[in-house]
């Protein structure tokens, strides 16, 4: 599942960066979402895989703090970028004639940068404070399953949800396969 997530999201980033037809605000946000999903899943899954392989659940205090910090940063970024994508679709649907005026490239970059800064600011202080002040809670198996669903399954499904059901991404995939078939 980890490899599917990383490769699927890398494919989206590659597709968007290499195809001029996909250089639009929606795909700019989608490529950022794919990058954040790769970072999000890489925050927890490699350590989880090591723990499963070694049958050990040990993590250092600093390692735990670092993992929680980055987990919260990337979870927040996921939410903010999904909100930006919703705003982009709102503008495209409700103001189609003004879309290119409203969603200028510099605005898209600014919105993504503001998302990063906002998440870092919000979660740096509050997340660390809550983590340090909380008591140790023993999680049940149900909480562990929910955690895996949230941290692994959702980022794995995002490439399929946001790209394979999209005609522009399907068009890129067709062009890529046609080029590969003609080269072979």
N, C-alpha and C. Protein backbone atom coordinates (compact mmCIF):
# COMPACT_ATOMS: atom_id res chain seq x y z
N UNK A 1 0.82 -1.18 0.00
CA UNK A 1 0.00 0.00 0.00
C UNK A 1 0.87 1.25 0.00
N UNK A 2 1.98 1.19 0.71
CA UNK A 2 2.90 2.34 0.75
C UNK A 2 3.45 2.63 -0.64
N UNK A 3 3.90 1.59 -1.32
CA UNK A 3 4.45 1.78 -2.67
C UNK A 3 3.39 2.27 -3.65
N UNK A 4 2.18 1.75 -3.56
CA UNK A 4 1.09 2.20 -4.43
C UNK A 4 0.84 3.69 -4.20
N UNK A 5 0.83 4.10 -2.94
CA UNK A 5 0.59 5.50 -2.61
C UNK A 5 1.69 6.40 -3.18
N UNK A 6 2.93 6.04 -2.91
CA UNK A 6 4.05 6.88 -3.35
C UNK A 6 4.12 6.91 -4.88
N UNK A 7 4.03 5.75 -5.51
CA UNK A 7 4.12 5.71 -6.98
C UNK A 7 2.93 6.40 -7.64
N UNK A 8 1.73 6.19 -7.11
CA UNK A 8 0.55 6.84 -7.67
C UNK A 8 0.64 8.35 -7.58
N UNK A 9 1.06 8.85 -6.43
CA UNK A 9 1.19 10.30 -6.27
C UNK A 9 2.35 10.87 -7.07
N UNK A 10 3.45 10.13 -7.17
CA UNK A 10 4.55 10.57 -8.03
C UNK A 10 4.11 10.63 -9.49
N UNK A 11 3.29 9.67 -9.91
CA UNK A 11 2.77 9.68 -11.28
C UNK A 11 1.94 10.94 -11.54
N UNK A 12 1.11 11.31 -10.57
CA UNK A 12 0.31 12.53 -10.73
C UNK A 12 1.20 13.75 -10.87
N UNK A 13 2.21 13.86 -10.02
CA UNK A 13 3.13 15.00 -10.08
C UNK A 13 3.85 15.03 -11.42
N UNK A 14 4.32 13.88 -11.88
CA UNK A 14 5.00 13.78 -13.17
C UNK A 14 4.06 14.16 -14.31
N UNK A 15 2.85 13.65 -14.28
CA UNK A 15 1.88 13.94 -15.33
C UNK A 15 1.59 15.44 -15.40
N UNK A 16 1.35 16.04 -14.27
CA UNK A 16 0.99 17.46 -14.24
C UNK A 16 2.16 18.34 -14.66
N UNK A 17 3.35 17.99 -14.22
CA UNK A 17 4.50 18.83 -14.57
C UNK A 17 4.93 18.65 -16.03
N UNK A 18 4.67 17.50 -16.62
CA UNK A 18 5.14 17.26 -17.98
C UNK A 18 4.11 17.55 -19.07
N UNK A 19 2.85 17.68 -18.74
CA UNK A 19 1.82 17.92 -19.76
C UNK A 19 1.31 19.35 -19.67
N UNK A 20 1.56 20.17 -20.71
CA UNK A 20 1.11 21.57 -20.69
C UNK A 20 -0.42 21.72 -20.58
N UNK A 21 -1.18 20.71 -21.01
CA UNK A 21 -2.63 20.77 -20.88
C UNK A 21 -3.08 20.77 -19.41
N UNK A 22 -2.20 20.30 -18.55
CA UNK A 22 -2.54 20.19 -17.13
C UNK A 22 -1.97 21.32 -16.29
N UNK A 23 -1.49 22.37 -16.93
CA UNK A 23 -0.95 23.51 -16.19
C UNK A 23 -2.06 24.52 -15.89
N UNK A 24 -2.99 24.09 -15.04
CA UNK A 24 -4.11 24.92 -14.62
C UNK A 24 -4.13 24.94 -13.10
N UNK A 25 -4.87 25.88 -12.49
CA UNK A 25 -4.90 25.94 -11.03
C UNK A 25 -5.33 24.63 -10.37
N UNK A 26 -6.35 23.98 -10.91
CA UNK A 26 -6.82 22.74 -10.30
C UNK A 26 -5.70 21.70 -10.23
N UNK A 27 -4.94 21.56 -11.30
CA UNK A 27 -3.86 20.57 -11.31
C UNK A 27 -2.66 21.02 -10.50
N UNK A 28 -2.47 22.32 -10.39
CA UNK A 28 -1.42 22.84 -9.50
C UNK A 28 -1.73 22.41 -8.06
N UNK A 29 -3.00 22.60 -7.65
CA UNK A 29 -3.39 22.18 -6.31
C UNK A 29 -3.31 20.66 -6.16
N UNK A 30 -3.69 19.93 -7.20
CA UNK A 30 -3.64 18.47 -7.16
C UNK A 30 -2.20 17.97 -7.02
N UNK A 31 -1.26 18.60 -7.72
CA UNK A 31 0.14 18.18 -7.58
C UNK A 31 0.65 18.47 -6.18
N UNK A 32 0.23 19.58 -5.59
CA UNK A 32 0.61 19.86 -4.20
C UNK A 32 -0.02 18.86 -3.24
N UNK A 33 -1.27 18.48 -3.48
CA UNK A 33 -1.92 17.46 -2.66
C UNK A 33 -1.17 16.14 -2.77
N UNK A 34 -0.74 15.79 -3.96
CA UNK A 34 0.01 14.54 -4.14
C UNK A 34 1.33 14.58 -3.38
N UNK A 35 2.02 15.71 -3.45
CA UNK A 35 3.28 15.86 -2.71
C UNK A 35 3.04 15.72 -1.21
N UNK A 36 2.01 16.39 -0.70
CA UNK A 36 1.69 16.33 0.72
C UNK A 36 1.30 14.91 1.13
N UNK A 37 0.55 14.21 0.27
CA UNK A 37 0.18 12.83 0.58
C UNK A 37 1.41 11.92 0.68
N UNK A 38 2.39 12.14 -0.19
CA UNK A 38 3.64 11.36 -0.11
C UNK A 38 4.34 11.65 1.22
N UNK A 39 4.43 12.92 1.57
CA UNK A 39 5.07 13.28 2.83
C UNK A 39 4.29 12.75 4.03
N UNK A 40 2.97 12.83 3.95
CA UNK A 40 2.09 12.40 5.04
C UNK A 40 2.28 10.91 5.34
N UNK A 41 2.24 10.10 4.31
CA UNK A 41 2.36 8.66 4.52
C UNK A 41 3.80 8.28 4.90
N UNK A 42 4.77 9.03 4.42
CA UNK A 42 6.17 8.73 4.73
C UNK A 42 6.51 9.11 6.17
N UNK A 43 5.69 9.91 6.78
CA UNK A 43 5.90 10.29 8.17
C UNK A 43 5.74 9.10 9.12
N UNK A 44 4.80 8.22 8.82
CA UNK A 44 4.48 7.15 9.78
C UNK A 44 4.74 5.73 9.27
N UNK A 45 4.49 5.49 8.02
CA UNK A 45 4.51 4.10 7.52
C UNK A 45 5.89 3.44 7.57
N UNK A 46 6.98 4.11 7.18
CA UNK A 46 8.28 3.41 7.28
C UNK A 46 8.59 2.90 8.69
N UNK A 47 8.32 3.72 9.70
CA UNK A 47 8.55 3.28 11.09
C UNK A 47 7.61 2.14 11.44
N UNK A 48 6.36 2.23 10.97
CA UNK A 48 5.40 1.16 11.22
C UNK A 48 5.88 -0.15 10.59
N UNK A 49 6.40 -0.08 9.38
CA UNK A 49 6.89 -1.28 8.70
C UNK A 49 8.09 -1.88 9.44
N UNK A 50 8.98 -1.02 9.94
CA UNK A 50 10.11 -1.51 10.73
C UNK A 50 9.61 -2.18 12.01
N UNK A 51 8.63 -1.56 12.66
CA UNK A 51 8.07 -2.14 13.89
C UNK A 51 7.44 -3.50 13.63
N UNK A 52 6.73 -3.63 12.52
CA UNK A 52 6.11 -4.91 12.18
C UNK A 52 7.18 -5.96 11.90
N UNK A 53 8.22 -5.57 11.18
CA UNK A 53 9.28 -6.51 10.82
C UNK A 53 10.07 -6.97 12.05
N UNK A 54 10.37 -6.03 12.95
CA UNK A 54 11.20 -6.37 14.11
C UNK A 54 10.39 -6.78 15.33
N UNK A 55 9.05 -6.72 15.23
CA UNK A 55 8.17 -7.04 16.37
C UNK A 55 8.48 -6.14 17.56
N UNK A 56 8.88 -4.90 17.28
CA UNK A 56 9.21 -3.95 18.33
C UNK A 56 8.35 -2.70 18.16
N UNK A 57 7.91 -2.14 19.27
CA UNK A 57 7.10 -0.93 19.23
C UNK A 57 7.85 0.24 19.86
N UNK A 58 9.14 0.16 19.89
CA UNK A 58 9.96 1.17 20.56
C UNK A 58 10.21 2.35 19.62
N UNK A 59 10.05 3.55 20.17
CA UNK A 59 10.39 4.77 19.46
C UNK A 59 10.94 5.75 20.49
N UNK A 60 11.98 6.46 20.14
CA UNK A 60 12.55 7.42 21.09
C UNK A 60 11.59 8.58 21.30
N UNK A 61 11.80 9.28 22.37
CA UNK A 61 10.94 10.43 22.68
C UNK A 61 11.07 11.50 21.59
N UNK A 62 12.28 11.79 21.18
CA UNK A 62 12.51 12.78 20.11
C UNK A 62 11.92 12.27 18.80
N UNK A 63 12.09 10.99 18.51
CA UNK A 63 11.51 10.41 17.30
C UNK A 63 9.99 10.51 17.30
N UNK A 64 9.39 10.28 18.45
CA UNK A 64 7.94 10.37 18.58
C UNK A 64 7.48 11.81 18.38
N UNK A 65 8.16 12.75 19.02
CA UNK A 65 7.81 14.17 18.85
C UNK A 65 7.94 14.61 17.39
N UNK A 66 9.00 14.18 16.76
CA UNK A 66 9.22 14.54 15.35
C UNK A 66 8.13 13.95 14.48
N UNK A 67 7.81 12.69 14.71
CA UNK A 67 6.78 12.03 13.92
C UNK A 67 5.42 12.70 14.12
N UNK A 68 5.06 13.02 15.33
CA UNK A 68 3.78 13.68 15.61
C UNK A 68 3.76 15.06 14.97
N UNK A 69 4.85 15.79 15.07
CA UNK A 69 4.92 17.13 14.49
C UNK A 69 4.65 17.08 12.98
N UNK A 70 5.41 16.24 12.27
CA UNK A 70 5.24 16.17 10.82
C UNK A 70 3.90 15.56 10.42
N UNK A 71 3.42 14.62 11.22
CA UNK A 71 2.10 14.05 10.94
C UNK A 71 1.04 15.15 10.98
N UNK A 72 1.09 15.97 12.01
CA UNK A 72 0.11 17.05 12.14
C UNK A 72 0.26 18.10 11.04
N UNK A 73 1.48 18.42 10.69
CA UNK A 73 1.72 19.40 9.62
C UNK A 73 1.11 18.90 8.32
N UNK A 74 1.41 17.67 7.95
CA UNK A 74 0.93 17.17 6.66
C UNK A 74 -0.57 16.87 6.67
N UNK A 75 -1.11 16.47 7.82
CA UNK A 75 -2.57 16.29 7.91
C UNK A 75 -3.27 17.63 7.73
N UNK A 76 -2.75 18.66 8.36
CA UNK A 76 -3.33 20.00 8.20
C UNK A 76 -3.20 20.51 6.78
N UNK A 77 -2.05 20.28 6.17
CA UNK A 77 -1.85 20.70 4.78
C UNK A 77 -2.82 19.98 3.85
N UNK A 78 -3.04 18.70 4.08
CA UNK A 78 -4.02 17.96 3.29
C UNK A 78 -5.38 18.67 3.33
N UNK A 79 -5.79 19.03 4.53
CA UNK A 79 -7.08 19.69 4.69
C UNK A 79 -7.12 21.06 4.01
N UNK A 80 -6.07 21.84 4.17
CA UNK A 80 -6.04 23.16 3.55
C UNK A 80 -6.02 23.07 2.03
N UNK A 81 -5.24 22.15 1.49
CA UNK A 81 -5.17 22.03 0.04
C UNK A 81 -6.49 21.51 -0.52
N UNK A 82 -7.14 20.59 0.19
CA UNK A 82 -8.48 20.16 -0.24
C UNK A 82 -9.45 21.34 -0.22
N UNK A 83 -9.31 22.23 0.74
CA UNK A 83 -10.15 23.43 0.79
C UNK A 83 -9.86 24.35 -0.40
N UNK A 84 -8.59 24.49 -0.75
CA UNK A 84 -8.22 25.30 -1.91
C UNK A 84 -8.79 24.70 -3.19
N UNK A 85 -8.76 23.37 -3.28
CA UNK A 85 -9.33 22.71 -4.46
C UNK A 85 -10.84 22.95 -4.52
N UNK A 86 -11.48 22.93 -3.38
CA UNK A 86 -12.93 23.20 -3.34
C UNK A 86 -13.21 24.65 -3.76
N UNK A 87 -12.38 25.57 -3.31
CA UNK A 87 -12.54 26.98 -3.70
C UNK A 87 -12.34 27.13 -5.21
N UNK A 88 -11.33 26.47 -5.74
CA UNK A 88 -11.08 26.51 -7.19
C UNK A 88 -12.29 26.01 -7.97
N UNK A 89 -12.87 24.92 -7.54
CA UNK A 89 -14.06 24.38 -8.22
C UNK A 89 -15.26 25.31 -8.05
N UNK A 90 -15.38 25.93 -6.88
CA UNK A 90 -16.46 26.90 -6.65
C UNK A 90 -16.35 28.06 -7.64
N UNK A 91 -15.16 28.60 -7.78
CA UNK A 91 -14.96 29.71 -8.72
C UNK A 91 -15.24 29.26 -10.14
N UNK A 92 -14.78 28.07 -10.50
CA UNK A 92 -14.99 27.57 -11.87
C UNK A 92 -16.47 27.36 -12.18
N UNK A 93 -17.24 26.92 -11.20
CA UNK A 93 -18.66 26.64 -11.43
C UNK A 93 -19.52 27.89 -11.30
N UNK A 94 -19.26 28.67 -10.27
CA UNK A 94 -20.13 29.82 -9.99
C UNK A 94 -19.74 31.09 -10.75
N UNK A 95 -18.49 31.18 -11.15
CA UNK A 95 -18.01 32.37 -11.87
C UNK A 95 -17.16 31.95 -13.08
N UNK A 96 -17.73 31.17 -13.99
CA UNK A 96 -16.92 30.62 -15.08
C UNK A 96 -16.30 31.70 -15.99
N UNK A 97 -16.98 32.80 -16.18
CA UNK A 97 -16.44 33.85 -17.05
C UNK A 97 -15.32 34.64 -16.40
N UNK A 98 -15.27 34.63 -15.09
CA UNK A 98 -14.23 35.35 -14.36
C UNK A 98 -13.13 34.42 -13.82
N UNK A 99 -13.22 33.15 -14.13
CA UNK A 99 -12.31 32.16 -13.56
C UNK A 99 -10.85 32.51 -13.80
N UNK A 100 -10.50 32.83 -15.04
CA UNK A 100 -9.08 33.10 -15.34
C UNK A 100 -8.60 34.40 -14.71
N UNK A 101 -9.52 35.32 -14.47
CA UNK A 101 -9.15 36.57 -13.81
C UNK A 101 -8.93 36.34 -12.32
N UNK A 102 -9.80 35.51 -11.72
CA UNK A 102 -9.71 35.26 -10.28
C UNK A 102 -8.56 34.30 -9.94
N UNK A 103 -8.46 33.21 -10.65
CA UNK A 103 -7.48 32.15 -10.32
C UNK A 103 -6.20 32.32 -11.14
N UNK A 104 -5.51 33.43 -10.91
CA UNK A 104 -4.24 33.69 -11.59
C UNK A 104 -3.15 32.80 -10.98
N UNK A 105 -2.12 32.47 -11.76
CA UNK A 105 -1.06 31.60 -11.23
C UNK A 105 -0.42 32.12 -9.94
N UNK A 106 -0.17 33.42 -9.86
CA UNK A 106 0.45 33.96 -8.65
C UNK A 106 -0.45 33.79 -7.43
N UNK A 107 -1.77 33.88 -7.64
CA UNK A 107 -2.70 33.69 -6.53
C UNK A 107 -2.67 32.23 -6.05
N UNK A 108 -2.61 31.31 -6.99
CA UNK A 108 -2.56 29.88 -6.63
C UNK A 108 -1.31 29.59 -5.80
N UNK A 109 -0.16 30.11 -6.24
CA UNK A 109 1.09 29.92 -5.50
C UNK A 109 0.98 30.55 -4.12
N UNK A 110 0.43 31.75 -4.06
CA UNK A 110 0.25 32.44 -2.79
C UNK A 110 -0.66 31.66 -1.85
N UNK A 111 -1.76 31.12 -2.37
CA UNK A 111 -2.68 30.34 -1.55
C UNK A 111 -2.01 29.09 -0.98
N UNK A 112 -1.22 28.41 -1.80
CA UNK A 112 -0.52 27.21 -1.31
C UNK A 112 0.52 27.59 -0.26
N UNK A 113 1.28 28.67 -0.52
CA UNK A 113 2.28 29.10 0.46
C UNK A 113 1.62 29.51 1.77
N UNK A 114 0.49 30.21 1.67
CA UNK A 114 -0.23 30.60 2.88
C UNK A 114 -0.74 29.37 3.63
N UNK A 115 -1.13 28.34 2.90
CA UNK A 115 -1.56 27.10 3.55
C UNK A 115 -0.42 26.50 4.37
N UNK A 116 0.76 26.43 3.76
CA UNK A 116 1.93 25.89 4.46
C UNK A 116 2.22 26.70 5.72
N UNK A 117 2.26 28.01 5.56
CA UNK A 117 2.61 28.87 6.70
C UNK A 117 1.54 28.78 7.80
N UNK A 118 0.29 28.77 7.40
CA UNK A 118 -0.80 28.69 8.38
C UNK A 118 -0.74 27.39 9.15
N UNK A 119 -0.55 26.30 8.46
CA UNK A 119 -0.50 25.00 9.13
C UNK A 119 0.68 24.92 10.07
N UNK A 120 1.82 25.38 9.63
CA UNK A 120 3.00 25.34 10.50
C UNK A 120 2.75 26.19 11.74
N UNK A 121 2.19 27.37 11.55
CA UNK A 121 1.93 28.26 12.69
C UNK A 121 0.91 27.65 13.65
N UNK A 122 -0.20 27.15 13.11
CA UNK A 122 -1.25 26.59 13.97
C UNK A 122 -0.81 25.34 14.70
N UNK A 123 -0.23 24.41 13.97
CA UNK A 123 0.06 23.12 14.55
C UNK A 123 1.37 23.07 15.32
N UNK A 124 2.27 23.97 15.03
CA UNK A 124 3.53 23.96 15.76
C UNK A 124 3.27 24.18 17.24
N UNK A 125 2.55 25.22 17.56
CA UNK A 125 2.30 25.53 18.95
C UNK A 125 1.24 24.65 19.58
N UNK A 126 0.06 24.61 18.97
CA UNK A 126 -1.04 23.88 19.60
C UNK A 126 -0.80 22.38 19.62
N UNK A 127 -0.34 21.82 18.52
CA UNK A 127 -0.11 20.37 18.47
C UNK A 127 0.93 19.91 19.46
N UNK A 128 2.03 20.62 19.51
CA UNK A 128 3.09 20.24 20.43
C UNK A 128 2.63 20.41 21.88
N UNK A 129 1.89 21.50 22.14
CA UNK A 129 1.37 21.73 23.48
C UNK A 129 0.42 20.64 23.93
N UNK A 130 -0.50 20.27 23.07
CA UNK A 130 -1.46 19.22 23.41
C UNK A 130 -0.73 17.90 23.61
N UNK A 131 0.24 17.61 22.74
CA UNK A 131 0.96 16.34 22.86
C UNK A 131 1.74 16.27 24.17
N UNK A 132 2.41 17.35 24.51
CA UNK A 132 3.23 17.33 25.71
C UNK A 132 2.39 17.31 26.99
N UNK A 133 1.19 17.87 26.94
CA UNK A 133 0.37 17.93 28.15
C UNK A 133 -0.55 16.72 28.31
N UNK A 134 -0.67 15.90 27.28
CA UNK A 134 -1.59 14.77 27.38
C UNK A 134 -0.96 13.61 28.13
N UNK A 135 -1.81 12.77 28.67
CA UNK A 135 -1.33 11.58 29.34
C UNK A 135 -1.26 10.44 28.33
N UNK A 136 -0.55 9.41 28.69
CA UNK A 136 -0.41 8.26 27.80
C UNK A 136 -1.74 7.51 27.78
N UNK A 137 -2.24 7.28 26.58
CA UNK A 137 -3.51 6.57 26.42
C UNK A 137 -3.22 5.28 25.66
N UNK A 138 -3.67 4.17 26.19
CA UNK A 138 -3.49 2.90 25.51
C UNK A 138 -4.58 2.75 24.46
N UNK A 139 -4.18 2.65 23.21
CA UNK A 139 -5.15 2.58 22.11
C UNK A 139 -5.64 1.15 21.95
N UNK A 140 -6.91 1.03 21.65
CA UNK A 140 -7.47 -0.29 21.38
C UNK A 140 -7.17 -0.67 19.93
N UNK A 141 -7.47 -1.89 19.58
CA UNK A 141 -7.24 -2.35 18.21
C UNK A 141 -8.10 -1.57 17.24
N UNK A 142 -9.30 -1.18 17.64
CA UNK A 142 -10.19 -0.42 16.78
C UNK A 142 -9.58 0.94 16.42
N UNK A 143 -8.97 1.58 17.39
CA UNK A 143 -8.34 2.88 17.15
C UNK A 143 -7.14 2.69 16.20
N UNK A 144 -6.42 1.59 16.36
CA UNK A 144 -5.29 1.31 15.48
C UNK A 144 -5.74 1.11 14.04
N UNK A 145 -6.83 0.41 13.85
CA UNK A 145 -7.36 0.19 12.50
C UNK A 145 -7.82 1.51 11.89
N UNK A 146 -8.50 2.32 12.67
CA UNK A 146 -8.94 3.64 12.18
C UNK A 146 -7.74 4.49 11.82
N UNK A 147 -6.69 4.41 12.61
CA UNK A 147 -5.47 5.17 12.35
C UNK A 147 -4.83 4.75 11.04
N UNK A 148 -4.76 3.46 10.80
CA UNK A 148 -4.19 2.96 9.54
C UNK A 148 -5.04 3.40 8.36
N UNK A 149 -6.35 3.34 8.52
CA UNK A 149 -7.23 3.78 7.43
C UNK A 149 -6.97 5.25 7.09
N UNK A 150 -6.82 6.08 8.10
CA UNK A 150 -6.63 7.51 7.89
C UNK A 150 -5.25 7.82 7.35
N UNK A 151 -4.23 7.15 7.88
CA UNK A 151 -2.86 7.50 7.50
C UNK A 151 -2.36 6.78 6.25
N UNK A 152 -2.94 5.64 5.91
CA UNK A 152 -2.44 4.87 4.78
C UNK A 152 -3.45 4.80 3.63
N UNK A 153 -4.66 4.44 3.92
CA UNK A 153 -5.64 4.19 2.86
C UNK A 153 -6.05 5.48 2.15
N UNK A 154 -6.31 6.55 2.90
CA UNK A 154 -6.74 7.79 2.28
C UNK A 154 -5.70 8.34 1.31
N UNK A 155 -4.42 8.49 1.70
CA UNK A 155 -3.43 8.97 0.73
C UNK A 155 -3.25 8.01 -0.46
N UNK A 156 -3.48 6.72 -0.23
CA UNK A 156 -3.35 5.75 -1.32
C UNK A 156 -4.49 5.94 -2.34
N UNK A 157 -5.67 6.26 -1.87
CA UNK A 157 -6.82 6.39 -2.77
C UNK A 157 -6.87 7.74 -3.48
N UNK A 158 -6.25 8.78 -2.93
CA UNK A 158 -6.31 10.10 -3.55
C UNK A 158 -5.88 10.12 -5.02
N UNK A 159 -4.79 9.45 -5.42
CA UNK A 159 -4.43 9.47 -6.84
C UNK A 159 -5.53 8.89 -7.72
N UNK A 160 -6.18 7.84 -7.24
CA UNK A 160 -7.24 7.22 -8.03
C UNK A 160 -8.48 8.11 -8.08
N UNK A 161 -8.83 8.69 -6.95
CA UNK A 161 -10.02 9.52 -6.88
C UNK A 161 -9.87 10.77 -7.72
N UNK A 162 -8.72 11.44 -7.61
CA UNK A 162 -8.56 12.73 -8.26
C UNK A 162 -7.98 12.66 -9.67
N UNK A 163 -7.54 11.50 -10.11
CA UNK A 163 -6.94 11.47 -11.44
C UNK A 163 -7.59 10.48 -12.38
N UNK A 164 -7.84 9.27 -11.95
CA UNK A 164 -8.35 8.27 -12.88
C UNK A 164 -9.80 8.51 -13.27
N UNK A 165 -10.50 9.33 -12.51
CA UNK A 165 -11.88 9.68 -12.86
C UNK A 165 -11.92 11.03 -13.58
N UNK A 166 -10.77 11.51 -14.00
CA UNK A 166 -10.65 12.84 -14.58
C UNK A 166 -10.28 12.70 -16.05
N UNK A 167 -11.03 13.36 -16.94
CA UNK A 167 -10.81 13.19 -18.38
C UNK A 167 -9.46 13.75 -18.82
N UNK A 168 -8.97 14.83 -18.22
CA UNK A 168 -7.68 15.39 -18.60
C UNK A 168 -6.54 14.44 -18.24
N UNK A 169 -6.62 13.84 -17.06
CA UNK A 169 -5.58 12.88 -16.65
C UNK A 169 -5.66 11.62 -17.51
N UNK A 170 -6.87 11.19 -17.85
CA UNK A 170 -7.02 10.04 -18.74
C UNK A 170 -6.43 10.35 -20.10
N UNK A 171 -6.63 11.59 -20.58
CA UNK A 171 -6.05 12.01 -21.86
C UNK A 171 -4.54 11.98 -21.82
N UNK A 172 -3.95 12.44 -20.72
CA UNK A 172 -2.50 12.38 -20.57
C UNK A 172 -2.02 10.94 -20.59
N UNK A 173 -2.72 10.08 -19.88
CA UNK A 173 -2.34 8.67 -19.83
C UNK A 173 -2.42 8.04 -21.21
N UNK A 174 -3.48 8.37 -21.97
CA UNK A 174 -3.60 7.85 -23.34
C UNK A 174 -2.44 8.33 -24.21
N UNK A 175 -2.13 9.64 -24.13
CA UNK A 175 -1.01 10.19 -24.93
C UNK A 175 0.30 9.53 -24.54
N UNK A 176 0.50 9.30 -23.25
CA UNK A 176 1.71 8.66 -22.77
C UNK A 176 1.82 7.23 -23.30
N UNK A 177 0.72 6.50 -23.24
CA UNK A 177 0.71 5.11 -23.72
C UNK A 177 0.90 5.05 -25.23
N UNK A 178 0.29 6.01 -25.95
CA UNK A 178 0.47 6.05 -27.42
C UNK A 178 1.92 6.32 -27.78
N UNK A 179 2.55 7.24 -27.05
CA UNK A 179 3.97 7.53 -27.30
C UNK A 179 4.83 6.31 -26.98
N UNK A 180 4.50 5.62 -25.90
CA UNK A 180 5.27 4.43 -25.52
C UNK A 180 5.07 3.32 -26.54
N UNK A 181 3.85 3.18 -27.07
CA UNK A 181 3.57 2.13 -28.06
C UNK A 181 4.26 2.42 -29.38
N UNK A 182 4.32 3.69 -29.78
CA UNK A 182 4.96 4.03 -31.04
C UNK A 182 6.47 3.95 -30.95
N UNK A 183 7.02 4.08 -29.75
CA UNK A 183 8.48 3.97 -29.57
C UNK A 183 8.92 2.52 -29.52
N UNK A 184 8.02 1.64 -29.15
CA UNK A 184 8.40 0.23 -28.97
C UNK A 184 8.53 -0.49 -30.29
